[in-house]
PDB file of N, CA and C in Angstrom:
ATOM      1  N   UNK A   1       4.018  -0.225  13.253  1.00  0.00           N
ATOM      2  CA  UNK A   1       5.213   0.613  13.166  1.00  0.00           C
ATOM      3  C   UNK A   1       4.828   2.072  13.344  1.00  0.00           C
ATOM      4  N   UNK A   2       5.703   2.815  13.987  1.00  0.00           N
ATOM      5  CA  UNK A   2       5.481   4.239  14.143  1.00  0.00           C
ATOM      6  C   UNK A   2       6.061   5.006  12.971  1.00  0.00           C
ATOM      7  N   UNK A   3       5.809   6.293  12.940  1.00  0.00           N
ATOM      8  CA  UNK A   3       6.257   7.131  11.817  1.00  0.00           C
ATOM      9  C   UNK A   3       7.775   7.138  11.684  1.00  0.00           C
ATOM     10  N   UNK A   4       8.489   7.199  12.788  1.00  0.00           N
ATOM     11  CA  UNK A   4       9.958   7.227  12.710  1.00  0.00           C
ATOM     12  C   UNK A   4      10.518   5.915  12.171  1.00  0.00           C
ATOM     13  N   UNK A   5       9.908   4.799  12.570  1.00  0.00           N
ATOM     14  CA  UNK A   5      10.344   3.495  12.058  1.00  0.00           C
ATOM     15  C   UNK A   5      10.033   3.383  10.571  1.00  0.00           C
ATOM     16  N   UNK A   6       8.890   3.925  10.162  1.00  0.00           N
ATOM     17  CA  UNK A   6       8.516   3.917   8.741  1.00  0.00           C
ATOM     18  C   UNK A   6       9.519   4.718   7.911  1.00  0.00           C
ATOM     19  N   UNK A   7       9.905   5.873   8.421  1.00  0.00           N
ATOM     20  CA  UNK A   7      10.876   6.714   7.710  1.00  0.00           C
ATOM     21  C   UNK A   7      12.225   6.014   7.611  1.00  0.00           C
ATOM     22  N   UNK A   8      12.622   5.358   8.683  1.00  0.00           N
ATOM     23  CA  UNK A   8      13.895   4.632   8.676  1.00  0.00           C
ATOM     24  C   UNK A   8      13.847   3.492   7.659  1.00  0.00           C
ATOM     25  N   UNK A   9      12.716   2.787   7.584  1.00  0.00           N
ATOM     26  CA  UNK A   9      12.569   1.706   6.620  1.00  0.00           C
ATOM     27  C   UNK A   9      12.703   2.238   5.195  1.00  0.00           C
ATOM     28  N   UNK A  10      12.063   3.360   4.907  1.00  0.00           N
ATOM     29  CA  UNK A  10      12.139   3.951   3.570  1.00  0.00           C
ATOM     30  C   UNK A  10      13.577   4.344   3.244  1.00  0.00           C
ATOM     31  N   UNK A  11      14.228   5.046   4.140  1.00  0.00           N
ATOM     32  CA  UNK A  11      15.607   5.501   3.894  1.00  0.00           C
ATOM     33  C   UNK A  11      16.549   4.320   3.730  1.00  0.00           C
ATOM     34  N   UNK A  12      16.444   3.332   4.612  1.00  0.00           N
ATOM     35  CA  UNK A  12      17.311   2.155   4.515  1.00  0.00           C
ATOM     36  C   UNK A  12      17.075   1.397   3.213  1.00  0.00           C
ATOM     37  N   UNK A  13      15.812   1.287   2.807  1.00  0.00           N
ATOM     38  CA  UNK A  13      15.489   0.588   1.565  1.00  0.00           C
ATOM     39  C   UNK A  13      16.065   1.325   0.364  1.00  0.00           C
ATOM     40  N   UNK A  14      15.916   2.649   0.333  1.00  0.00           N
ATOM     41  CA  UNK A  14      16.426   3.424  -0.799  1.00  0.00           C
ATOM     42  C   UNK A  14      17.949   3.410  -0.840  1.00  0.00           C
ATOM     43  N   UNK A  15      18.588   3.478   0.313  1.00  0.00           N
ATOM     44  CA  UNK A  15      20.052   3.423   0.354  1.00  0.00           C
ATOM     45  C   UNK A  15      20.565   2.059  -0.100  1.00  0.00           C
ATOM     46  N   UNK A  16      19.773   1.022   0.097  1.00  0.00           N
ATOM     47  CA  UNK A  16      20.156  -0.327  -0.291  1.00  0.00           C
ATOM     48  C   UNK A  16      20.055  -0.589  -1.780  1.00  0.00           C
ATOM     49  N   UNK A  17      19.370   0.288  -2.490  1.00  0.00           N
ATOM     50  CA  UNK A  17      19.232   0.133  -3.938  1.00  0.00           C
ATOM     51  C   UNK A  17      20.446   0.761  -4.604  1.00  0.00           C
ATOM     52  N   UNK A  18      21.249  -0.059  -5.274  1.00  0.00           N
ATOM     53  CA  UNK A  18      22.481   0.455  -5.867  1.00  0.00           C
ATOM     54  C   UNK A  18      22.326   0.860  -7.322  1.00  0.00           C
ATOM     55  N   UNK A  19      21.334   0.328  -8.021  1.00  0.00           N
ATOM     56  CA  UNK A  19      21.214   0.620  -9.447  1.00  0.00           C
ATOM     57  C   UNK A  19      20.126   1.627  -9.764  1.00  0.00           C
ATOM     58  N   UNK A  20      19.300   1.957  -8.794  1.00  0.00           N
ATOM     59  CA  UNK A  20      18.174   2.845  -9.037  1.00  0.00           C
ATOM     60  C   UNK A  20      18.100   3.874  -7.916  1.00  0.00           C
ATOM     61  N   UNK A  21      17.920   5.148  -8.275  1.00  0.00           N
ATOM     62  CA  UNK A  21      17.859   6.183  -7.239  1.00  0.00           C
ATOM     63  C   UNK A  21      16.515   6.904  -7.183  1.00  0.00           C
ATOM     64  N   UNK A  22      15.674   6.739  -8.187  1.00  0.00           N
ATOM     65  CA  UNK A  22      14.364   7.385  -8.213  1.00  0.00           C
ATOM     66  C   UNK A  22      13.277   6.326  -8.314  1.00  0.00           C
ATOM     67  N   UNK A  23      12.185   6.561  -7.593  1.00  0.00           N
ATOM     68  CA  UNK A  23      11.135   5.558  -7.486  1.00  0.00           C
ATOM     69  C   UNK A  23       9.768   6.201  -7.666  1.00  0.00           C
ATOM     70  N   UNK A  24       8.824   5.394  -8.150  1.00  0.00           N
ATOM     71  CA  UNK A  24       7.439   5.822  -8.262  1.00  0.00           C
ATOM     72  C   UNK A  24       6.768   5.677  -6.907  1.00  0.00           C
ATOM     73  N   UNK A  25       5.691   6.393  -6.698  1.00  0.00           N
ATOM     74  CA  UNK A  25       4.953   6.285  -5.441  1.00  0.00           C
ATOM     75  C   UNK A  25       4.477   4.853  -5.220  1.00  0.00           C
ATOM     76  N   UNK A  26       4.142   4.146  -6.292  1.00  0.00           N
ATOM     77  CA  UNK A  26       3.683   2.755  -6.147  1.00  0.00           C
ATOM     78  C   UNK A  26       4.769   1.869  -5.531  1.00  0.00           C
ATOM     79  N   UNK A  27       6.047   2.216  -5.746  1.00  0.00           N
ATOM     80  CA  UNK A  27       7.136   1.456  -5.120  1.00  0.00           C
ATOM     81  C   UNK A  27       7.104   1.608  -3.604  1.00  0.00           C
ATOM     82  N   UNK A  28       6.750   2.785  -3.142  1.00  0.00           N
ATOM     83  CA  UNK A  28       6.633   3.019  -1.699  1.00  0.00           C
ATOM     84  C   UNK A  28       5.415   2.291  -1.136  1.00  0.00           C
ATOM     85  N   UNK A  29       4.345   2.237  -1.928  1.00  0.00           N
ATOM     86  CA  UNK A  29       3.153   1.506  -1.490  1.00  0.00           C
ATOM     87  C   UNK A  29       3.471   0.033  -1.268  1.00  0.00           C
ATOM     88  N   UNK A  30       4.374  -0.534  -2.071  1.00  0.00           N
ATOM     89  CA  UNK A  30       4.755  -1.939  -1.920  1.00  0.00           C
ATOM     90  C   UNK A  30       5.524  -2.182  -0.621  1.00  0.00           C
ATOM     91  N   UNK A  31       6.186  -1.152  -0.103  1.00  0.00           N
ATOM     92  CA  UNK A  31       6.904  -1.291   1.167  1.00  0.00           C
ATOM     93  C   UNK A  31       5.935  -1.433   2.338  1.00  0.00           C
ATOM     94  N   UNK A  32       4.728  -0.918   2.164  1.00  0.00           N
ATOM     95  CA  UNK A  32       3.716  -0.921   3.230  1.00  0.00           C
ATOM     96  C   UNK A  32       2.397  -1.485   2.692  1.00  0.00           C
ATOM     97  N   UNK A  33       2.358  -2.778   2.357  1.00  0.00           N
ATOM     98  CA  UNK A  33       1.157  -3.357   1.741  1.00  0.00           C
ATOM     99  C   UNK A  33      -0.086  -3.312   2.640  1.00  0.00           C
ATOM    100  N   UNK A  34       0.124  -3.187   3.943  1.00  0.00           N
ATOM    101  CA  UNK A  34      -1.009  -3.159   4.868  1.00  0.00           C
ATOM    102  C   UNK A  34      -1.635  -1.767   4.979  1.00  0.00           C
ATOM    103  N   UNK A  35      -1.010  -0.784   4.394  1.00  0.00           N
ATOM    104  CA  UNK A  35      -1.497   0.603   4.484  1.00  0.00           C
ATOM    105  C   UNK A  35      -2.217   1.030   3.213  1.00  0.00           C
ATOM    106  N   UNK A  36      -3.109   1.988   3.378  1.00  0.00           N
ATOM    107  CA  UNK A  36      -3.778   2.579   2.214  1.00  0.00           C
ATOM    108  C   UNK A  36      -2.788   3.479   1.486  1.00  0.00           C
ATOM    109  N   UNK A  37      -2.895   3.562   0.168  1.00  0.00           N
ATOM    110  CA  UNK A  37      -1.976   4.415  -0.603  1.00  0.00           C
ATOM    111  C   UNK A  37      -1.948   5.863  -0.123  1.00  0.00           C
ATOM    112  N   UNK A  38      -3.064   6.373   0.342  1.00  0.00           N
ATOM    113  CA  UNK A  38      -3.122   7.759   0.823  1.00  0.00           C
ATOM    114  C   UNK A  38      -2.226   7.954   2.050  1.00  0.00           C
ATOM    115  N   UNK A  39      -2.190   6.972   2.938  1.00  0.00           N
ATOM    116  CA  UNK A  39      -1.338   7.058   4.124  1.00  0.00           C
ATOM    117  C   UNK A  39       0.142   7.086   3.731  1.00  0.00           C
ATOM    118  N   UNK A  40       0.497   6.248   2.763  1.00  0.00           N
ATOM    119  CA  UNK A  40       1.886   6.191   2.301  1.00  0.00           C
ATOM    120  C   UNK A  40       2.264   7.501   1.618  1.00  0.00           C
ATOM    121  N   UNK A  41       1.364   8.021   0.811  1.00  0.00           N
ATOM    122  CA  UNK A  41       1.605   9.298   0.134  1.00  0.00           C
ATOM    123  C   UNK A  41       1.830  10.413   1.151  1.00  0.00           C
ATOM    124  N   UNK A  42       1.037  10.415   2.212  1.00  0.00           N
ATOM    125  CA  UNK A  42       1.178  11.434   3.257  1.00  0.00           C
ATOM    126  C   UNK A  42       2.539  11.322   3.936  1.00  0.00           C
ATOM    127  N   UNK A  43       3.001  10.089   4.202  1.00  0.00           N
ATOM    128  CA  UNK A  43       4.309   9.868   4.815  1.00  0.00           C
ATOM    129  C   UNK A  43       5.424  10.361   3.898  1.00  0.00           C
ATOM    130  N   UNK A  44       5.335  10.036   2.612  1.00  0.00           N
ATOM    131  CA  UNK A  44       6.343  10.473   1.641  1.00  0.00           C
ATOM    132  C   UNK A  44       6.366  11.998   1.549  1.00  0.00           C
ATOM    133  N   UNK A  45       5.205  12.623   1.493  1.00  0.00           N
ATOM    134  CA  UNK A  45       5.133  14.087   1.435  1.00  0.00           C
ATOM    135  C   UNK A  45       5.763  14.719   2.674  1.00  0.00           C
ATOM    136  N   UNK A  46       5.543  14.111   3.821  1.00  0.00           N
ATOM    137  CA  UNK A  46       6.143  14.604   5.070  1.00  0.00           C
ATOM    138  C   UNK A  46       7.669  14.517   5.001  1.00  0.00           C
ATOM    139  N   UNK A  47       8.162  13.417   4.442  1.00  0.00           N
ATOM    140  CA  UNK A  47       9.615  13.246   4.326  1.00  0.00           C
ATOM    141  C   UNK A  47      10.218  14.238   3.338  1.00  0.00           C
ATOM    142  N   UNK A  48       9.468  14.585   2.295  1.00  0.00           N
ATOM    143  CA  UNK A  48       9.929  15.613   1.347  1.00  0.00           C
ATOM    144  C   UNK A  48       9.989  16.961   2.061  1.00  0.00           C
ATOM    145  N   UNK A  49       8.971  17.269   2.842  1.00  0.00           N
ATOM    146  CA  UNK A  49       8.935  18.533   3.585  1.00  0.00           C
ATOM    147  C   UNK A  49      10.080  18.625   4.585  1.00  0.00           C
ATOM    148  N   UNK A  50      10.488  17.491   5.148  1.00  0.00           N
ATOM    149  CA  UNK A  50      11.598  17.468   6.106  1.00  0.00           C
ATOM    150  C   UNK A  50      12.959  17.495   5.418  1.00  0.00           C
ATOM    151  N   UNK A  51      12.974  17.351   4.100  1.00  0.00           N
ATOM    152  CA  UNK A  51      14.232  17.374   3.365  1.00  0.00           C
ATOM    153  C   UNK A  51      14.937  16.030   3.286  1.00  0.00           C
ATOM    154  N   UNK A  52      14.256  14.949   3.641  1.00  0.00           N
ATOM    155  CA  UNK A  52      14.846  13.616   3.564  1.00  0.00           C
ATOM    156  C   UNK A  52      14.743  13.042   2.153  1.00  0.00           C
ATOM    157  N   UNK A  53      13.623  13.327   1.500  1.00  0.00           N
ATOM    158  CA  UNK A  53      13.380  12.871   0.134  1.00  0.00           C
ATOM    159  C   UNK A  53      13.155  14.087  -0.750  1.00  0.00           C
ATOM    160  N   UNK A  54      13.187  13.861  -2.063  1.00  0.00           N
ATOM    161  CA  UNK A  54      12.892  14.947  -2.995  1.00  0.00           C
ATOM    162  C   UNK A  54      12.119  14.395  -4.176  1.00  0.00           C
ATOM    163  N   UNK A  55      11.309  15.269  -4.761  1.00  0.00           N
ATOM    164  CA  UNK A  55      10.599  14.922  -5.980  1.00  0.00           C
ATOM    165  C   UNK A  55      11.511  15.199  -7.161  1.00  0.00           C
ATOM    166  N   UNK A  56      11.338  14.409  -8.219  1.00  0.00           N
ATOM    167  CA  UNK A  56      12.084  14.609  -9.450  1.00  0.00           C
ATOM    168  C   UNK A  56      11.114  14.358 -10.587  1.00  0.00           C
ATOM    169  N   UNK A  57      11.049  15.263 -11.522  1.00  0.00           N
ATOM    170  CA  UNK A  57      10.085  15.149 -12.608  1.00  0.00           C
ATOM    171  C   UNK A  57      10.782  15.051 -13.951  1.00  0.00           C
ATOM    172  N   UNK A  58      10.267  14.161 -14.782  1.00  0.00           N
ATOM    173  CA  UNK A  58      10.752  14.041 -16.152  1.00  0.00           C
ATOM    174  C   UNK A  58       9.943  14.936 -17.075  1.00  0.00           C
ATOM    175  N   UNK A  59       8.920  15.527 -16.554  1.00  0.00           N
ATOM    176  CA  UNK A  59       8.000  16.324 -17.356  1.00  0.00           C
ATOM    177  C   UNK A  59       6.683  15.590 -17.545  1.00  0.00           C
ATOM    178  N   UNK A  60       6.759  14.268 -17.632  1.00  0.00           N
ATOM    179  CA  UNK A  60       5.542  13.483 -17.806  1.00  0.00           C
ATOM    180  C   UNK A  60       5.208  12.643 -16.581  1.00  0.00           C
ATOM    181  N   UNK A  61       6.168  12.469 -15.711  1.00  0.00           N
ATOM    182  CA  UNK A  61       5.932  11.687 -14.501  1.00  0.00           C
ATOM    183  C   UNK A  61       6.783  12.242 -13.359  1.00  0.00           C
ATOM    184  N   UNK A  62       6.332  11.985 -12.162  1.00  0.00           N
ATOM    185  CA  UNK A  62       7.071  12.435 -10.983  1.00  0.00           C
ATOM    186  C   UNK A  62       7.592  11.222 -10.239  1.00  0.00           C
ATOM    187  N   UNK A  63       8.852  11.298  -9.880  1.00  0.00           N
ATOM    188  CA  UNK A  63       9.477  10.214  -9.121  1.00  0.00           C
ATOM    189  C   UNK A  63      10.003  10.792  -7.813  1.00  0.00           C
ATOM    190  N   UNK A  64      10.384   9.905  -6.908  1.00  0.00           N
ATOM    191  CA  UNK A  64      10.829  10.309  -5.579  1.00  0.00           C
ATOM    192  C   UNK A  64      12.137   9.594  -5.266  1.00  0.00           C
ATOM    193  N   UNK A  65      13.073  10.322  -4.671  1.00  0.00           N
ATOM    194  CA  UNK A  65      14.346   9.709  -4.302  1.00  0.00           C
ATOM    195  C   UNK A  65      14.929  10.382  -3.080  1.00  0.00           C
ATOM    196  N   UNK A  66      16.025   9.832  -2.616  1.00  0.00           N
ATOM    197  CA  UNK A  66      16.731  10.436  -1.490  1.00  0.00           C
ATOM    198  C   UNK A  66      17.253  11.811  -1.882  1.00  0.00           C
ATOM    199  N   UNK A  67      17.167  12.746  -0.998  1.00  0.00           N
ATOM    200  CA  UNK A  67      17.650  14.103  -1.257  1.00  0.00           C
ATOM    201  C   UNK A  67      19.146  14.055  -1.556  1.00  0.00           C
ATOM    202  N   UNK A  68      19.540  14.615  -2.699  1.00  0.00           N
ATOM    203  CA  UNK A  68      20.944  14.699  -3.070  1.00  0.00           C
ATOM    204  C   UNK A  68      21.517  13.462  -3.728  1.00  0.00           C
ATOM    205  N   UNK A  69      20.706  12.455  -3.995  1.00  0.00           N
ATOM    206  CA  UNK A  69      21.208  11.222  -4.609  1.00  0.00           C
ATOM    207  C   UNK A  69      20.801  11.154  -6.070  1.00  0.00           C
ATOM    208  N   UNK A  70      21.623  10.511  -6.859  1.00  0.00           N
ATOM    209  CA  UNK A  70      21.267  10.271  -8.245  1.00  0.00           C
ATOM    210  C   UNK A  70      22.213  10.925  -9.227  1.00  0.00           C
ATOM    211  N   UNK A  71      22.086  10.518 -10.459  1.00  0.00           N
ATOM    212  CA  UNK A  71      22.967  10.984 -11.521  1.00  0.00           C
ATOM    213  C   UNK A  71      22.887  12.493 -11.705  1.00  0.00           C
ATOM    214  N   UNK A  72      21.682  13.066 -11.651  1.00  0.00           N
ATOM    215  CA  UNK A  72      21.566  14.510 -11.873  1.00  0.00           C
ATOM    216  C   UNK A  72      22.336  15.290 -10.826  1.00  0.00           C
ATOM    217  N   UNK A  73      22.420  14.799  -9.598  1.00  0.00           N
ATOM    218  CA  UNK A  73      23.180  15.493  -8.557  1.00  0.00           C
ATOM    219  C   UNK A  73      24.676  15.331  -8.768  1.00  0.00           C
ATOM    220  N   UNK A  74      25.098  14.171  -9.231  1.00  0.00           N
ATOM    221  CA  UNK A  74      26.510  13.954  -9.523  1.00  0.00           C
ATOM    222  C   UNK A  74      26.959  14.892 -10.640  1.00  0.00           C
ATOM    223  N   UNK A  75      26.105  15.083 -11.637  1.00  0.00           N
ATOM    224  CA  UNK A  75      26.432  15.984 -12.746  1.00  0.00           C
ATOM    225  C   UNK A  75      26.505  17.426 -12.282  1.00  0.00           C
ATOM    226  N   UNK A  76      25.583  17.822 -11.401  1.00  0.00           N
ATOM    227  CA  UNK A  76      25.591  19.188 -10.887  1.00  0.00           C
ATOM    228  C   UNK A  76      26.839  19.448 -10.058  1.00  0.00           C
ATOM    229  N   UNK A  77      27.247  18.466  -9.257  1.00  0.00           N
ATOM    230  CA  UNK A  77      28.440  18.634  -8.424  1.00  0.00           C
ATOM    231  C   UNK A  77      29.706  18.764  -9.255  1.00  0.00           C
ATOM    232  N   UNK A  78      29.795  18.056 -10.371  1.00  0.00           N
ATOM    233  CA  UNK A  78      30.994  18.108 -11.192  1.00  0.00           C
ATOM    234  C   UNK A  78      31.054  19.380 -12.025  1.00  0.00           C
ATOM    235  N   UNK A  79      29.925  20.053 -12.244  1.00  0.00           N
ATOM    236  CA  UNK A  79      29.882  21.312 -12.998  1.00  0.00           C
ATOM    237  C   UNK A  79      30.407  22.482 -12.181  1.00  0.00           C
ATOM    238  N   UNK A  80      30.419  22.337 -10.885  1.00  0.00           N
ATOM    239  CA  UNK A  80      30.791  23.481 -10.032  1.00  0.00           C
ATOM    240  C   UNK A  80      32.271  23.575  -9.817  1.00  0.00           C
TER     241      UNK A  80
END
Protein backbone atom coordinates (compact mmCIF):
# COMPACT_ATOMS: atom_id res chain seq x y z
CA UNK A 1 0.00 0.00 0.00
CA UNK A 2 1.12 3.53 -0.69
CA UNK A 3 1.02 6.43 1.75
CA UNK A 4 -2.26 7.83 0.39
CA UNK A 5 -3.97 4.43 0.66
CA UNK A 6 -2.64 4.08 4.22
CA UNK A 7 -4.05 7.48 5.16
CA UNK A 8 -7.40 6.61 3.63
CA UNK A 9 -7.47 3.33 5.59
CA UNK A 10 -6.78 5.18 8.85
CA UNK A 11 -9.44 7.85 8.20
CA UNK A 12 -12.05 5.32 7.08
CA UNK A 13 -11.33 3.11 10.10
CA UNK A 14 -11.61 6.01 12.55
CA UNK A 15 -14.81 7.31 10.94
CA UNK A 16 -16.26 3.80 11.24
CA UNK A 17 -15.81 3.79 15.00
CA UNK A 18 -19.01 5.14 16.51
CA UNK A 19 -18.33 4.73 20.22
CA UNK A 20 -14.69 5.79 20.41
CA UNK A 21 -13.00 8.87 18.96
CA UNK A 22 -9.50 8.76 20.49
CA UNK A 23 -7.00 5.96 20.04
CA UNK A 24 -3.60 4.90 21.31
CA UNK A 25 -0.70 4.58 18.90
CA UNK A 26 -0.82 0.80 19.46
CA UNK A 27 -4.30 0.81 17.88
CA UNK A 28 -2.79 2.22 14.70
CA UNK A 29 -0.03 -0.39 14.82
CA UNK A 30 -2.74 -3.08 14.74
CA UNK A 31 -4.05 -1.62 11.46
CA UNK A 32 -0.65 -2.30 9.88
CA UNK A 33 0.69 -5.52 11.48
CA UNK A 34 3.24 -5.98 8.69
CA UNK A 35 4.90 -2.63 9.46
CA UNK A 36 7.34 -1.64 12.17
CA UNK A 37 5.85 0.60 14.87
CA UNK A 38 8.26 3.39 13.90
CA UNK A 39 6.87 3.47 10.34
CA UNK A 40 3.30 3.70 11.65
CA UNK A 41 4.28 6.44 14.09
CA UNK A 42 5.87 8.41 11.24
CA UNK A 43 2.67 8.07 9.16
CA UNK A 44 0.50 9.23 12.08
CA UNK A 45 2.81 12.20 12.75
CA UNK A 46 2.60 13.16 9.07
CA UNK A 47 -1.20 13.06 9.23
CA UNK A 48 -1.15 15.28 12.33
CA UNK A 49 1.10 17.76 10.50
CA UNK A 50 -1.35 17.76 7.57
CA UNK A 51 -4.25 18.49 9.92
CA UNK A 52 -6.05 15.18 9.33
CA UNK A 53 -5.46 13.86 12.84
CA UNK A 54 -4.79 15.53 16.17
CA UNK A 55 -3.13 14.61 19.42
CA UNK A 56 -5.14 14.70 22.63
CA UNK A 57 -3.59 14.41 26.05
CA UNK A 58 -5.12 13.47 29.37
CA UNK A 59 -1.98 14.62 31.12
CA UNK A 60 -0.72 11.10 31.65
CA UNK A 61 -1.18 9.66 28.18
CA UNK A 62 -1.45 10.88 24.62
CA UNK A 63 -4.15 9.69 22.27
CA UNK A 64 -4.83 10.37 18.60
CA UNK A 65 -8.10 11.07 16.83
CA UNK A 66 -9.64 12.67 13.80
CA UNK A 67 -9.23 16.44 13.76
CA UNK A 68 -12.37 18.07 15.17
CA UNK A 69 -14.02 14.84 16.35
CA UNK A 70 -14.95 13.85 19.86
CA UNK A 71 -16.79 14.99 22.93
CA UNK A 72 -14.36 17.80 23.76
CA UNK A 73 -15.02 19.39 20.36
CA UNK A 74 -18.78 19.06 20.74
CA UNK A 75 -18.52 20.83 24.11
CA UNK A 76 -16.38 23.61 22.66
CA UNK A 77 -18.83 24.16 19.80
CA UNK A 78 -21.81 24.45 22.15
CA UNK A 79 -19.97 27.01 24.36
CA UNK A 80 -19.63 29.46 21.50
